[in-house]
Amino acid sequence: MKTSGEKFELKHALARILLGRHCRACGEFFQLPSQCKPDYISSSKDRWVEVPTFCHHCNPTADTEEAELIRISIYLQDRWIAKMREQNELIPFTSPIGMTAEQRWWWRAVSYTQITCRLSLLQLSDMVRSFFNSPSNTHNAVEFAEFEFTPSAYYKYKHCAFALTMQSGSQWIFDPTGVQFGVEGWPVISRRHWYFSPDKHRQVQVWRRLGDYKSCCRGQLAGPWNPLDESDSEEEP
């Protein structure tokens, strides 16, 4: 974490992107084994585009609660980035020459999610509830919340994200727009105790029931609410 008084700028995110591969789920830098092939998606705009793959800790194909959450989170984040791209056809910040397709993907994710976290509370809340609690899921969320918090001073802005409590009792943070601050340290899905670990310097300002921000914007006032316990287990299941 920066402590020198320096403030986040897009060039900082760019520098990390250019270092190499980052996990699509957790955002951490990793070396892809030579025998592994990158993942691809079909895109009407880009034909076949190389996209970030996963580190060995984040396996979206496993039959686990975490893997299912990764799959849903990435799907929703992809839809959000695509929606923001449709509304702004020109990429907000030009991609530097010489980037790989994967690096361009990350740069677009950083660019198109800039200052969209409050908008995501308005437009993603219904999808968060329906996708994370669906009859087709093996593992479902039973409690939902949205929250606003202040990251470390380095990031300059307040930020918003979603909180999930699963049937198993585990607690997770779904952050589809945290990538606007860069790749590392802003996973799309992570355990709550990791997301709020002391070294992250994240101080929650207000909790709300999922959808309350949207109701408030429609003139239906909703007060702060915290459905989560103050204590949170640090142990992995």
C-alpha atoms as a PDB file:
ATOM      1  CA  MET A   1       0.000   0.000   0.000  1.00  0.00           C
ATOM      2  CA  LYS A   2       1.302   3.410  -0.956  1.00  0.00           C
ATOM      3  CA  THR A   3       2.183   5.618   2.005  1.00  0.00           C
ATOM      4  CA  SER A   4       4.215   8.404   0.406  1.00  0.00           C
ATOM      5  CA  GLY A   5       1.230  10.672  -0.266  1.00  0.00           C
ATOM      6  CA  GLU A   6       1.150   9.649  -3.930  1.00  0.00           C
ATOM      7  CA  LYS A   7      -2.368   9.379  -5.393  1.00  0.00           C
ATOM      8  CA  PHE A   8      -3.665   6.743  -7.783  1.00  0.00           C
ATOM      9  CA  GLU A   9      -3.434   7.526 -11.485  1.00  0.00           C
ATOM     10  CA  LEU A  10      -4.301   5.356 -14.462  1.00  0.00           C
ATOM     11  CA  LYS A  11      -0.638   5.097 -15.399  1.00  0.00           C
ATOM     12  CA  HIS A  12      -0.092   3.134 -12.169  1.00  0.00           C
ATOM     13  CA  ALA A  13      -2.654   0.532 -13.270  1.00  0.00           C
ATOM     14  CA  LEU A  14      -1.078   0.446 -16.709  1.00  0.00           C
ATOM     15  CA  ALA A  15       2.362  -0.275 -15.270  1.00  0.00           C
ATOM     16  CA  ARG A  16       1.043  -3.326 -13.409  1.00  0.00           C
ATOM     17  CA  ILE A  17      -0.888  -4.589 -16.432  1.00  0.00           C
ATOM     18  CA  LEU A  18       2.279  -4.521 -18.548  1.00  0.00           C
ATOM     19  CA  LEU A  19       4.184  -6.679 -16.041  1.00  0.00           C
ATOM     20  CA  GLY A  20       2.552  -9.892 -17.232  1.00  0.00           C
ATOM     21  CA  ARG A  21      -0.381 -12.169 -16.566  1.00  0.00           C
ATOM     22  CA  HIS A  22      -2.889 -11.510 -13.807  1.00  0.00           C
ATOM     23  CA  CYS A  23      -5.561 -13.866 -12.537  1.00  0.00           C
ATOM     24  CA  ARG A  24      -9.013 -13.053 -13.883  1.00  0.00           C
ATOM     25  CA  ALA A  25     -10.614 -13.728 -10.486  1.00  0.00           C
ATOM     26  CA  CYS A  26      -8.195 -12.467  -7.820  1.00  0.00           C
ATOM     27  CA  GLY A  27      -6.121 -10.103  -9.981  1.00  0.00           C
ATOM     28  CA  GLU A  28      -2.801 -11.351  -8.653  1.00  0.00           C
ATOM     29  CA  PHE A  29       0.259 -11.546 -10.907  1.00  0.00           C
ATOM     30  CA  PHE A  30       1.319 -15.090 -11.785  1.00  0.00           C
ATOM     31  CA  GLN A  31       3.409 -17.064 -14.244  1.00  0.00           C
ATOM     32  CA  LEU A  32       1.384 -19.170 -16.670  1.00  0.00           C
ATOM     33  CA  PRO A  33       2.922 -22.660 -17.097  1.00  0.00           C
ATOM     34  CA  SER A  34       4.268 -23.135 -20.601  1.00  0.00           C
ATOM     35  CA  GLN A  35       1.929 -26.072 -21.269  1.00  0.00           C
ATOM     36  CA  CYS A  36      -1.192 -24.001 -20.543  1.00  0.00           C
ATOM     37  CA  LYS A  37      -3.047 -22.184 -23.276  1.00  0.00           C
ATOM     38  CA  PRO A  38      -4.776 -18.851 -22.688  1.00  0.00           C
ATOM     39  CA  ASP A  39      -8.557 -18.709 -22.504  1.00  0.00           C
ATOM     40  CA  TYR A  40     -10.561 -17.184 -25.315  1.00  0.00           C
ATOM     41  CA  ILE A  41     -14.004 -15.675 -25.672  1.00  0.00           C
ATOM     42  CA  SER A  42     -15.999 -14.849 -28.765  1.00  0.00           C
ATOM     43  CA  SER A  43     -16.768 -11.173 -29.206  1.00  0.00           C
ATOM     44  CA  SER A  44     -18.780  -9.545 -31.966  1.00  0.00           C
ATOM     45  CA  LYS A  45     -16.492  -6.528 -31.774  1.00  0.00           C
ATOM     46  CA  ASP A  46     -13.145  -8.258 -31.436  1.00  0.00           C
ATOM     47  CA  ARG A  47     -13.733 -11.675 -33.046  1.00  0.00           C
ATOM     48  CA  TRP A  48     -11.538 -14.002 -31.001  1.00  0.00           C
ATOM     49  CA  VAL A  49      -9.888 -12.152 -28.167  1.00  0.00           C
ATOM     50  CA  GLU A  50      -7.394 -13.531 -25.693  1.00  0.00           C
ATOM     51  CA  VAL A  51      -8.584 -12.841 -22.158  1.00  0.00           C
ATOM     52  CA  PRO A  52      -6.949 -13.292 -18.755  1.00  0.00           C
ATOM     53  CA  THR A  53      -6.795 -16.812 -17.405  1.00  0.00           C
ATOM     54  CA  PHE A  54      -6.713 -18.023 -13.798  1.00  0.00           C
ATOM     55  CA  CYS A  55      -3.985 -18.656 -11.260  1.00  0.00           C
ATOM     56  CA  HIS A  56      -3.757 -22.111  -9.706  1.00  0.00           C
ATOM     57  CA  HIS A  57      -5.624 -20.900  -6.603  1.00  0.00           C
ATOM     58  CA  CYS A  58      -8.696 -19.790  -8.583  1.00  0.00           C
ATOM     59  CA  ASN A  59     -10.167 -22.733 -10.479  1.00  0.00           C
ATOM     60  CA  PRO A  60     -13.598 -21.807 -11.848  1.00  0.00           C
ATOM     61  CA  THR A  61     -14.254 -25.352 -13.050  1.00  0.00           C
ATOM     62  CA  ALA A  62     -14.023 -26.958  -9.597  1.00  0.00           C
ATOM     63  CA  ASP A  63     -17.097 -28.249  -7.806  1.00  0.00           C
ATOM     64  CA  THR A  64     -16.802 -25.859  -4.865  1.00  0.00           C
ATOM     65  CA  GLU A  65     -18.623 -22.865  -3.458  1.00  0.00           C
ATOM     66  CA  GLU A  66     -15.741 -20.565  -4.362  1.00  0.00           C
ATOM     67  CA  ALA A  67     -15.600 -21.821  -7.960  1.00  0.00           C
ATOM     68  CA  GLU A  68     -19.313 -21.218  -8.432  1.00  0.00           C
ATOM     69  CA  LEU A  69     -18.971 -17.709  -7.020  1.00  0.00           C
ATOM     70  CA  ILE A  70     -16.059 -17.038  -9.385  1.00  0.00           C
ATOM     71  CA  ARG A  71     -18.106 -18.139 -12.392  1.00  0.00           C
ATOM     72  CA  ILE A  72     -21.085 -15.957 -11.466  1.00  0.00           C
ATOM     73  CA  SER A  73     -18.940 -12.956 -10.522  1.00  0.00           C
ATOM     74  CA  ILE A  74     -16.984 -12.986 -13.766  1.00  0.00           C
ATOM     75  CA  TYR A  75     -20.160 -13.357 -15.806  1.00  0.00           C
ATOM     76  CA  LEU A  76     -21.746 -10.341 -14.094  1.00  0.00           C
ATOM     77  CA  GLN A  77     -18.573  -8.260 -14.352  1.00  0.00           C
ATOM     78  CA  ASP A  78     -18.288  -9.093 -18.056  1.00  0.00           C
ATOM     79  CA  ARG A  79     -21.871  -7.964 -18.580  1.00  0.00           C
ATOM     80  CA  TRP A  80     -21.175  -4.745 -16.723  1.00  0.00           C
ATOM     81  CA  ILE A  81     -18.052  -3.928 -18.748  1.00  0.00           C
ATOM     82  CA  ALA A  82     -19.922  -4.738 -21.978  1.00  0.00           C
ATOM     83  CA  LYS A  83     -22.771  -2.455 -20.918  1.00  0.00           C
ATOM     84  CA  MET A  84     -20.403   0.412 -20.148  1.00  0.00           C
ATOM     85  CA  ARG A  85     -18.661  -0.172 -23.475  1.00  0.00           C
ATOM     86  CA  GLU A  86     -21.968   0.007 -25.347  1.00  0.00           C
ATOM     87  CA  GLN A  87     -22.684   3.352 -23.717  1.00  0.00           C
ATOM     88  CA  ASN A  88     -19.230   4.663 -24.588  1.00  0.00           C
ATOM     89  CA  GLU A  89     -18.163   3.183 -27.918  1.00  0.00           C
ATOM     90  CA  LEU A  90     -14.747   4.844 -27.845  1.00  0.00           C
ATOM     91  CA  ILE A  91     -12.471   3.499 -25.145  1.00  0.00           C
ATOM     92  CA  PRO A  92     -12.088   6.311 -22.582  1.00  0.00           C
ATOM     93  CA  PHE A  93      -8.318   5.941 -22.456  1.00  0.00           C
ATOM     94  CA  THR A  94      -6.355   4.934 -25.556  1.00  0.00           C
ATOM     95  CA  SER A  95      -4.559   1.591 -25.384  1.00  0.00           C
ATOM     96  CA  PRO A  96      -0.772   1.966 -25.655  1.00  0.00           C
ATOM     97  CA  ILE A  97       0.784   0.511 -28.797  1.00  0.00           C
ATOM     98  CA  GLY A  98       2.316  -2.930 -28.420  1.00  0.00           C
ATOM     99  CA  MET A  99      -0.101  -4.367 -25.862  1.00  0.00           C
ATOM    100  CA  THR A 100      -1.037  -8.037 -26.073  1.00  0.00           C
ATOM    101  CA  ALA A 101      -4.726  -8.873 -26.459  1.00  0.00           C
ATOM    102  CA  GLU A 102      -4.850  -9.851 -22.789  1.00  0.00           C
ATOM    103  CA  GLN A 103      -3.259  -6.597 -21.689  1.00  0.00           C
ATOM    104  CA  ARG A 104      -5.769  -4.666 -23.812  1.00  0.00           C
ATOM    105  CA  TRP A 105      -8.566  -6.571 -22.094  1.00  0.00           C
ATOM    106  CA  TRP A 106      -7.345  -5.464 -18.674  1.00  0.00           C
ATOM    107  CA  TRP A 107      -6.837  -1.893 -19.876  1.00  0.00           C
ATOM    108  CA  ARG A 108     -10.378  -1.777 -21.198  1.00  0.00           C
ATOM    109  CA  ALA A 109     -11.710  -3.201 -17.917  1.00  0.00           C
ATOM    110  CA  VAL A 110      -9.860  -0.500 -15.977  1.00  0.00           C
ATOM    111  CA  SER A 111     -10.997   2.207 -18.392  1.00  0.00           C
ATOM    112  CA  TYR A 112     -14.664   1.336 -18.780  1.00  0.00           C
ATOM    113  CA  THR A 113     -15.288   0.890 -15.046  1.00  0.00           C
ATOM    114  CA  GLN A 114     -13.972   4.325 -14.085  1.00  0.00           C
ATOM    115  CA  ILE A 115     -16.366   6.030 -11.627  1.00  0.00           C
ATOM    116  CA  THR A 116     -19.139   3.474 -12.217  1.00  0.00           C
ATOM    117  CA  CYS A 117     -19.456   1.892  -8.765  1.00  0.00           C
ATOM    118  CA  ARG A 118     -22.542   3.893  -7.695  1.00  0.00           C
ATOM    119  CA  LEU A 119     -24.120   3.228 -11.060  1.00  0.00           C
ATOM    120  CA  SER A 120     -23.540  -0.483 -10.511  1.00  0.00           C
ATOM    121  CA  LEU A 121     -25.586  -0.293  -7.283  1.00  0.00           C
ATOM    122  CA  LEU A 122     -28.465   1.052  -9.333  1.00  0.00           C
ATOM    123  CA  GLN A 123     -28.257  -1.316 -12.267  1.00  0.00           C
ATOM    124  CA  LEU A 124     -26.801  -4.565 -10.886  1.00  0.00           C
ATOM    125  CA  SER A 125     -28.661  -5.044  -7.597  1.00  0.00           C
ATOM    126  CA  ASP A 126     -31.491  -7.133  -9.089  1.00  0.00           C
ATOM    127  CA  MET A 127     -29.039  -9.278 -11.045  1.00  0.00           C
ATOM    128  CA  VAL A 128     -26.853  -9.804  -7.987  1.00  0.00           C
ATOM    129  CA  ARG A 129     -29.829 -11.214  -6.079  1.00  0.00           C
ATOM    130  CA  SER A 130     -31.104 -13.393  -8.929  1.00  0.00           C
ATOM    131  CA  PHE A 131     -27.747 -14.816 -10.020  1.00  0.00           C
ATOM    132  CA  PHE A 132     -26.301 -15.478  -6.576  1.00  0.00           C
ATOM    133  CA  ASN A 133     -29.546 -17.081  -5.400  1.00  0.00           C
ATOM    134  CA  SER A 134     -30.832 -19.262  -8.203  1.00  0.00           C
ATOM    135  CA  PRO A 135     -32.385 -22.739  -8.345  1.00  0.00           C
ATOM    136  CA  SER A 136     -29.617 -23.690 -10.779  1.00  0.00           C
ATOM    137  CA  ASN A 137     -26.899 -22.976  -8.189  1.00  0.00           C
ATOM    138  CA  THR A 138     -25.385 -25.555  -5.882  1.00  0.00           C
ATOM    139  CA  HIS A 139     -24.393 -22.856  -3.398  1.00  0.00           C
ATOM    140  CA  ASN A 140     -26.695 -19.909  -2.801  1.00  0.00           C
ATOM    141  CA  ALA A 141     -26.431 -16.606  -0.984  1.00  0.00           C
ATOM    142  CA  VAL A 142     -29.039 -16.074   1.745  1.00  0.00           C
ATOM    143  CA  GLU A 143     -28.201 -12.499   2.774  1.00  0.00           C
ATOM    144  CA  PHE A 144     -27.275  -9.570   0.556  1.00  0.00           C
ATOM    145  CA  ALA A 145     -25.990  -6.095   1.272  1.00  0.00           C
ATOM    146  CA  GLU A 146     -24.479  -3.164  -0.548  1.00  0.00           C
ATOM    147  CA  PHE A 147     -21.986  -0.839   1.081  1.00  0.00           C
ATOM    148  CA  GLU A 148     -19.902   2.271   0.590  1.00  0.00           C
ATOM    149  CA  PHE A 149     -16.434   2.642   2.017  1.00  0.00           C
ATOM    150  CA  THR A 150     -13.330   4.753   1.953  1.00  0.00           C
ATOM    151  CA  PRO A 151     -10.226   2.991   0.596  1.00  0.00           C
ATOM    152  CA  SER A 152      -6.771   4.198   1.581  1.00  0.00           C
ATOM    153  CA  ALA A 153      -6.001   7.815   0.735  1.00  0.00           C
ATOM    154  CA  TYR A 154      -3.976   6.587  -2.248  1.00  0.00           C
ATOM    155  CA  TYR A 155      -7.191   5.851  -4.173  1.00  0.00           C
ATOM    156  CA  LYS A 156      -8.759   9.280  -3.516  1.00  0.00           C
ATOM    157  CA  TYR A 157     -12.390   8.206  -3.957  1.00  0.00           C
ATOM    158  CA  LYS A 158     -15.086   6.402  -1.999  1.00  0.00           C
ATOM    159  CA  HIS A 159     -16.091   3.073  -3.452  1.00  0.00           C
ATOM    160  CA  CYS A 160     -19.154   0.773  -3.469  1.00  0.00           C
ATOM    161  CA  ALA A 161     -19.541  -2.999  -3.692  1.00  0.00           C
ATOM    162  CA  PHE A 162     -21.790  -5.908  -2.695  1.00  0.00           C
ATOM    163  CA  ALA A 163     -21.651  -8.298   0.276  1.00  0.00           C
ATOM    164  CA  LEU A 164     -22.919 -11.882   0.271  1.00  0.00           C
ATOM    165  CA  THR A 165     -23.551 -14.351   3.075  1.00  0.00           C
ATOM    166  CA  MET A 166     -23.845 -17.923   1.831  1.00  0.00           C
ATOM    167  CA  GLN A 167     -25.911 -20.849   3.099  1.00  0.00           C
ATOM    168  CA  SER A 168     -22.668 -22.275   4.491  1.00  0.00           C
ATOM    169  CA  GLY A 169     -22.171 -19.131   6.588  1.00  0.00           C
ATOM    170  CA  SER A 170     -19.178 -17.926   4.599  1.00  0.00           C
ATOM    171  CA  GLN A 171     -19.086 -14.222   3.754  1.00  0.00           C
ATOM    172  CA  TRP A 172     -17.899 -12.774   0.456  1.00  0.00           C
ATOM    173  CA  ILE A 173     -17.447  -9.444  -1.301  1.00  0.00           C
ATOM    174  CA  PHE A 174     -18.485  -9.091  -4.944  1.00  0.00           C
ATOM    175  CA  ASP A 175     -16.742  -6.042  -6.408  1.00  0.00           C
ATOM    176  CA  PRO A 176     -17.442  -5.721 -10.138  1.00  0.00           C
ATOM    177  CA  THR A 177     -15.962  -2.217 -10.463  1.00  0.00           C
ATOM    178  CA  GLY A 178     -12.935  -2.354  -8.164  1.00  0.00           C
ATOM    179  CA  VAL A 179     -10.774  -3.043 -11.222  1.00  0.00           C
ATOM    180  CA  GLN A 180     -11.060   0.688 -11.985  1.00  0.00           C
ATOM    181  CA  PHE A 181      -8.314   1.147  -9.369  1.00  0.00           C
ATOM    182  CA  GLY A 182      -6.012  -1.348 -11.037  1.00  0.00           C
ATOM    183  CA  VAL A 183      -5.565  -5.079 -11.262  1.00  0.00           C
ATOM    184  CA  GLU A 184      -3.893  -6.233  -8.055  1.00  0.00           C
ATOM    185  CA  GLY A 185      -5.679  -5.865  -4.733  1.00  0.00           C
ATOM    186  CA  TRP A 186      -9.145  -5.507  -6.290  1.00  0.00           C
ATOM    187  CA  PRO A 187     -10.506  -9.030  -6.921  1.00  0.00           C
ATOM    188  CA  VAL A 188     -13.925  -9.446  -8.454  1.00  0.00           C
ATOM    189  CA  ILE A 189     -14.830 -11.877  -5.643  1.00  0.00           C
ATOM    190  CA  SER A 190     -13.054 -12.453  -2.344  1.00  0.00           C
ATOM    191  CA  ARG A 191     -13.669 -13.491   1.236  1.00  0.00           C
ATOM    192  CA  ARG A 192     -14.880 -10.672   3.422  1.00  0.00           C
ATOM    193  CA  HIS A 193     -12.084 -10.968   5.989  1.00  0.00           C
ATOM    194  CA  TRP A 194      -9.465 -10.692   3.219  1.00  0.00           C
ATOM    195  CA  TYR A 195     -11.161  -7.717   1.561  1.00  0.00           C
ATOM    196  CA  PHE A 196     -11.246  -5.849   4.865  1.00  0.00           C
ATOM    197  CA  SER A 197      -7.907  -7.031   6.224  1.00  0.00           C
ATOM    198  CA  PRO A 198      -6.004  -4.224   8.019  1.00  0.00           C
ATOM    199  CA  ASP A 199      -3.389  -3.873   5.273  1.00  0.00           C
ATOM    200  CA  LYS A 200      -6.117  -2.915   2.761  1.00  0.00           C
ATOM    201  CA  HIS A 201      -7.101   0.206   4.772  1.00  0.00           C
ATOM    202  CA  ARG A 202     -10.779   0.013   3.820  1.00  0.00           C
ATOM    203  CA  GLN A 203     -13.198   1.721   6.199  1.00  0.00           C
ATOM    204  CA  VAL A 204     -16.901   1.089   5.639  1.00  0.00           C
ATOM    205  CA  GLN A 205     -19.047   4.208   5.884  1.00  0.00           C
ATOM    206  CA  VAL A 206     -22.510   2.702   5.448  1.00  0.00           C
ATOM    207  CA  TRP A 207     -24.194  -0.676   4.911  1.00  0.00           C
ATOM    208  CA  ARG A 208     -27.543  -0.969   3.147  1.00  0.00           C
ATOM    209  CA  ARG A 209     -29.896  -3.765   2.219  1.00  0.00           C
ATOM    210  CA  LEU A 210     -29.400  -4.770  -1.382  1.00  0.00           C
ATOM    211  CA  GLY A 211     -31.390  -2.390  -3.569  1.00  0.00           C
ATOM    212  CA  ASP A 212     -31.779   0.360  -0.955  1.00  0.00           C
ATOM    213  CA  TYR A 213     -29.589   2.789  -2.888  1.00  0.00           C
ATOM    214  CA  LYS A 214     -31.796   2.345  -5.941  1.00  0.00           C
ATOM    215  CA  SER A 215     -34.905   2.887  -3.803  1.00  0.00           C
ATOM    216  CA  CYS A 216     -33.353   5.999  -2.270  1.00  0.00           C
ATOM    217  CA  CYS A 217     -32.634   7.412  -5.727  1.00  0.00           C
ATOM    218  CA  ARG A 218     -36.303   6.876  -6.562  1.00  0.00           C
ATOM    219  CA  GLY A 219     -37.296   8.929  -3.547  1.00  0.00           C
ATOM    220  CA  GLN A 220     -37.892   6.021  -1.165  1.00  0.00           C
ATOM    221  CA  LEU A 221     -35.665   6.785   1.786  1.00  0.00           C
ATOM    222  CA  ALA A 222     -33.723   3.924   3.339  1.00  0.00           C
ATOM    223  CA  GLY A 223     -31.468   4.180   6.364  1.00  0.00           C
ATOM    224  CA  PRO A 224     -28.087   2.538   7.011  1.00  0.00           C
ATOM    225  CA  TRP A 225     -28.144  -1.129   7.951  1.00  0.00           C
ATOM    226  CA  ASN A 226     -25.500  -3.692   8.819  1.00  0.00           C
ATOM    227  CA  PRO A 227     -26.559  -7.334   8.450  1.00  0.00           C
ATOM    228  CA  LEU A 228     -23.075  -8.690   9.093  1.00  0.00           C
ATOM    229  CA  ASP A 229     -21.420  -9.499  12.383  1.00  0.00           C
ATOM    230  CA  GLU A 230     -18.514  -7.323  13.485  1.00  0.00           C
ATOM    231  CA  SER A 231     -16.359 -10.388  13.960  1.00  0.00           C
ATOM    232  CA  ASP A 232     -15.422 -12.564  11.012  1.00  0.00           C
ATOM    233  CA  SER A 233     -13.548 -15.836  11.060  1.00  0.00           C
ATOM    234  CA  GLU A 234     -10.051 -15.688   9.590  1.00  0.00           C
ATOM    235  CA  GLU A 235      -9.990 -19.432   8.932  1.00  0.00           C
ATOM    236  CA  GLU A 236     -10.421 -20.931   5.506  1.00  0.00           C
ATOM    237  CA  PRO A 237     -13.076 -23.664   5.308  1.00  0.00           C
END
